[in-house]
Amino acid sequence: IGQVFLAIFLAILLGLGISYFQDILPDYPGYASTLFANAMVIGQLCGNLLGGWMSNVVGLGNVFFVSAIAIFLGMLLIAITKEHKYTDEVLE
């Protein structure tokens, strides 16, 4: 049953990720999708290596706290750097 939840999570995550990259590069949807796919592979490789190194440095129990801080900082960077699209029309 855990694989069902993992499949749902990955479907949501991958769909949002590709949409985000295509929003950043709207004129190049193929390039954005390829960039996202390559970033996922590099992220998985670096994430595993970094997680092992961090468990050696800060201890296995604290790796999750360090990861939570990194996730929060990443979300903060996305919120700060993403352009917001505004419209002059008033929706009624």
Protein backbone atom coordinates (compact mmCIF):
# COMPACT_ATOMS: atom_id res chain seq x y z
CA ILE A 1 0.00 0.00 0.00
CA GLY A 2 3.01 2.28 0.53
CA GLN A 3 3.82 2.13 -3.17
CA VAL A 4 0.39 3.53 -4.00
CA PHE A 5 1.05 6.59 -1.85
CA LEU A 6 4.55 6.92 -3.33
CA ALA A 7 3.10 6.79 -6.86
CA ILE A 8 0.54 9.49 -6.00
CA PHE A 9 3.22 11.66 -4.39
CA LEU A 10 5.57 11.31 -7.37
CA ALA A 11 2.80 12.03 -9.87
CA ILE A 12 1.96 15.26 -8.05
CA LEU A 13 5.60 16.23 -7.54
CA LEU A 14 6.66 15.56 -11.12
CA GLY A 15 3.61 17.30 -12.56
CA LEU A 16 4.18 20.40 -10.46
CA GLY A 17 7.91 20.39 -11.20
CA ILE A 18 7.49 20.24 -14.96
CA SER A 19 4.79 22.93 -14.82
CA TYR A 20 7.07 25.17 -12.75
CA PHE A 21 10.00 24.78 -15.15
CA GLN A 22 7.74 25.45 -18.13
CA ASP A 23 6.45 28.60 -16.41
CA ILE A 24 10.04 29.78 -16.05
CA LEU A 25 10.80 29.06 -19.72
CA PRO A 26 7.43 29.46 -21.51
CA ASP A 27 8.97 29.79 -24.98
CA TYR A 28 10.96 26.56 -24.65
CA PRO A 29 8.72 23.80 -23.20
CA GLY A 30 10.91 20.95 -24.47
CA TYR A 31 14.05 22.53 -23.05
CA ALA A 32 12.28 23.13 -19.73
CA SER A 33 11.12 19.50 -19.50
CA THR A 34 14.60 18.19 -20.29
CA LEU A 35 16.16 20.56 -17.79
CA PHE A 36 13.73 19.34 -15.12
CA ALA A 37 14.41 15.66 -15.90
CA ASN A 38 18.18 16.19 -15.73
CA ALA A 39 17.86 18.21 -12.52
CA MET A 40 15.90 15.32 -10.97
CA VAL A 41 18.68 12.83 -11.79
CA ILE A 42 21.43 15.12 -10.51
CA GLY A 43 19.35 15.94 -7.41
CA GLN A 44 18.86 12.26 -6.60
CA LEU A 45 22.58 11.57 -6.95
CA CYS A 46 23.71 14.59 -4.95
CA GLY A 47 20.94 14.12 -2.37
CA ASN A 48 22.04 10.60 -1.52
CA LEU A 49 25.69 11.59 -1.30
CA LEU A 50 24.92 14.70 0.75
CA GLY A 51 22.63 12.75 3.09
CA GLY A 52 25.37 10.22 3.79
CA TRP A 53 27.92 12.94 4.40
CA MET A 54 25.55 14.88 6.67
CA SER A 55 24.81 11.79 8.75
CA ASN A 56 28.54 11.48 9.33
CA VAL A 57 28.88 15.16 10.30
CA VAL A 58 25.71 15.97 12.30
CA GLY A 59 24.51 12.49 13.21
CA LEU A 60 21.78 10.39 11.68
CA GLY A 61 18.99 11.81 13.85
CA ASN A 62 19.79 15.41 12.94
CA VAL A 63 19.92 14.85 9.17
CA PHE A 64 16.16 15.29 8.99
CA PHE A 65 16.30 18.65 10.76
CA VAL A 66 19.03 19.88 8.42
CA SER A 67 16.98 18.64 5.44
CA ALA A 68 13.88 20.44 6.75
CA ILE A 69 15.85 23.69 6.97
CA ALA A 70 17.12 23.18 3.41
CA ILE A 71 13.58 22.57 2.15
CA PHE A 72 12.33 25.71 3.90
CA LEU A 73 15.15 27.79 2.39
CA GLY A 74 14.42 26.37 -1.06
CA MET A 75 10.74 27.24 -0.78
CA LEU A 76 11.66 30.71 0.41
CA LEU A 77 13.95 31.19 -2.61
CA ILE A 78 11.21 30.06 -4.97
CA ALA A 79 8.71 32.46 -3.38
CA ILE A 80 11.15 35.36 -3.57
CA THR A 81 12.49 34.81 -7.10
CA LYS A 82 9.35 33.74 -8.98
CA GLU A 83 7.77 36.56 -10.93
CA HIS A 84 4.14 37.18 -10.10
CA LYS A 85 1.84 37.82 -13.04
CA TYR A 86 -0.67 40.59 -12.49
CA THR A 87 -3.56 41.65 -14.65
CA ASP A 88 -5.23 45.03 -14.94
CA GLU A 89 -8.65 43.46 -15.37
CA VAL A 90 -10.99 43.28 -12.44
CA LEU A 91 -12.53 39.85 -12.10
CA GLU A 92 -16.18 39.91 -11.12
